[in-house]
Protein backbone atom coordinates (compact mmCIF):
# COMPACT_ATOMS: atom_id res chain seq x y z
CA UNK A 1 139.45 259.14 25.22
CA UNK A 2 136.37 258.48 23.13
CA UNK A 3 134.70 261.69 21.95
CA UNK A 4 131.31 260.23 22.94
CA UNK A 5 132.34 259.90 26.60
CA UNK A 6 131.31 262.84 28.75
CA UNK A 7 133.27 264.60 31.45
CA UNK A 8 132.17 263.49 34.92
CA UNK A 9 130.67 266.88 35.79
CA UNK A 10 128.56 266.89 32.66
CA UNK A 11 127.55 263.29 33.24
CA UNK A 12 126.37 264.08 36.78
CA UNK A 13 124.35 267.03 35.47
CA UNK A 14 122.67 264.80 32.89
CA UNK A 15 122.04 262.17 35.55
CA UNK A 16 120.33 264.69 37.84
CA UNK A 17 118.24 265.92 34.90
CA UNK A 18 117.29 262.30 34.13
CA UNK A 19 116.20 261.83 37.75
CA UNK A 20 114.05 264.95 37.66
CA UNK A 21 112.48 263.91 34.37
CA UNK A 22 111.80 260.52 35.97
CA UNK A 23 109.59 262.40 38.46
CA UNK A 24 107.75 264.04 35.55
CA UNK A 25 107.29 260.61 33.96
CA UNK A 26 105.83 259.09 37.12
CA UNK A 27 103.43 261.99 37.58
CA UNK A 28 102.31 262.02 33.95
CA UNK A 29 101.74 258.26 34.13
CA UNK A 30 99.31 258.87 36.99
CA UNK A 31 97.68 261.81 35.24
CA UNK A 32 97.26 259.76 32.05
CA UNK A 33 94.89 257.49 34.01
CA UNK A 34 96.25 254.26 32.61
CA UNK A 35 97.21 255.87 29.32
CA UNK A 36 93.59 256.74 28.55
CA UNK A 37 94.16 260.53 28.39
CA UNK A 38 96.03 261.36 25.20
CA UNK A 39 97.84 264.55 26.22
CA UNK A 40 99.21 263.15 29.48
CA UNK A 41 100.02 259.87 27.75
CA UNK A 42 102.09 261.61 25.08
CA UNK A 43 103.92 263.65 27.71
CA UNK A 44 104.56 260.46 29.69
CA UNK A 45 106.13 258.69 26.71
CA UNK A 46 108.22 261.75 25.83
CA UNK A 47 109.44 261.95 29.44
CA UNK A 48 110.32 258.25 29.38
CA UNK A 49 112.35 258.63 26.20
CA UNK A 50 114.09 261.74 27.55
CA UNK A 51 115.18 260.24 30.86
CA UNK A 52 116.35 256.99 29.29
CA UNK A 53 118.43 258.92 26.77
CA UNK A 54 119.93 261.19 29.45
CA UNK A 55 120.68 258.23 31.71
CA UNK A 56 122.35 256.42 28.82
CA UNK A 57 124.53 259.43 28.06
CA UNK A 58 125.50 259.80 31.73
CA UNK A 59 126.51 256.14 31.82
CA UNK A 60 129.27 256.82 29.29
CA UNK A 61 131.24 258.44 32.13
CA UNK A 62 129.76 257.16 35.40
CA UNK A 63 129.76 253.76 37.08
CA UNK A 64 126.47 252.01 36.30
CA UNK A 65 125.74 250.98 39.89
CA UNK A 66 126.17 254.43 41.37
CA UNK A 67 124.45 256.21 38.49
CA UNK A 68 121.44 253.90 38.54
CA UNK A 69 121.06 254.19 42.31
CA UNK A 70 121.30 257.99 42.20
CA UNK A 71 118.83 258.20 39.31
CA UNK A 72 116.26 255.99 41.01
CA UNK A 73 116.80 257.79 44.32
CA UNK A 74 116.11 261.18 42.77
CA UNK A 75 113.04 259.77 41.05
CA UNK A 76 111.73 258.07 44.17
CA UNK A 77 112.29 260.96 46.58
CA UNK A 78 111.04 263.54 44.10
CA UNK A 79 107.93 261.55 43.29
CA UNK A 80 107.03 261.12 46.97
CA UNK A 81 107.42 264.85 47.60
CA UNK A 82 105.55 265.99 44.49
CA UNK A 83 102.88 263.33 45.02
CA UNK A 84 102.19 264.75 48.46
CA UNK A 85 101.86 268.28 47.05
CA UNK A 86 99.78 267.49 43.96
CA UNK A 87 97.72 264.52 45.11
CA UNK A 88 97.58 265.00 48.88
CA UNK A 89 99.49 261.79 49.55
CA UNK A 90 100.49 261.41 53.19
CA UNK A 91 103.89 262.75 54.15
CA UNK A 92 104.32 261.03 57.50
CA UNK A 93 107.43 261.19 59.67
CA UNK A 94 108.38 257.68 58.48
CA UNK A 95 108.07 258.68 54.82
CA UNK A 96 110.16 261.79 55.48
CA UNK A 97 112.76 259.63 57.22
CA UNK A 98 112.80 257.33 54.20
CA UNK A 99 113.33 260.27 51.87
CA UNK A 100 116.12 261.46 54.13
CA UNK A 101 117.82 258.08 53.89
CA UNK A 102 117.48 258.07 50.10
CA UNK A 103 118.96 261.57 49.88
CA UNK A 104 121.80 260.58 52.22
CA UNK A 105 122.50 257.59 49.98
CA UNK A 106 122.59 259.83 46.91
CA UNK A 107 125.07 262.15 48.62
CA UNK A 108 127.31 259.25 49.64
CA UNK A 109 127.23 257.72 46.16
CA UNK A 110 127.94 261.07 44.52
CA UNK A 111 130.93 261.74 46.75
CA UNK A 112 132.39 258.22 46.60
C-alpha cells in the first residue's frame, strides 16, 4: 500500500472536517460582501484552500462519488442551519425535511 494513502477511518475524519470547513467558507464568503472586506476575504480563501486539501487527502482512500456527495451534503446542511442562526434565514418545515434527506443520504453513503 502506498504510504500516502490514508486508512479509511482517518479519511472519513478528514472528509467530515472538510465538510465543516466548507460551511466556514460559505459563511465567510457571505461576510466578505463580495470579497470587499479584507479580513473575511482572507479567511474565506484560507478556508477554501483548507477544505480542498482535506478533501483531496480523503480521496486517497475513499471512493470519489461517495466522498464528494458526503462533503457537499455536510456543507449544504451545515450552511442552511448556520445561515438560519446567524442571518435569520427561514428554517421552514420543508427546509428541515430537505436537511433530513441530505443527512439520511450521508448516513447511507457512509455505511455503504
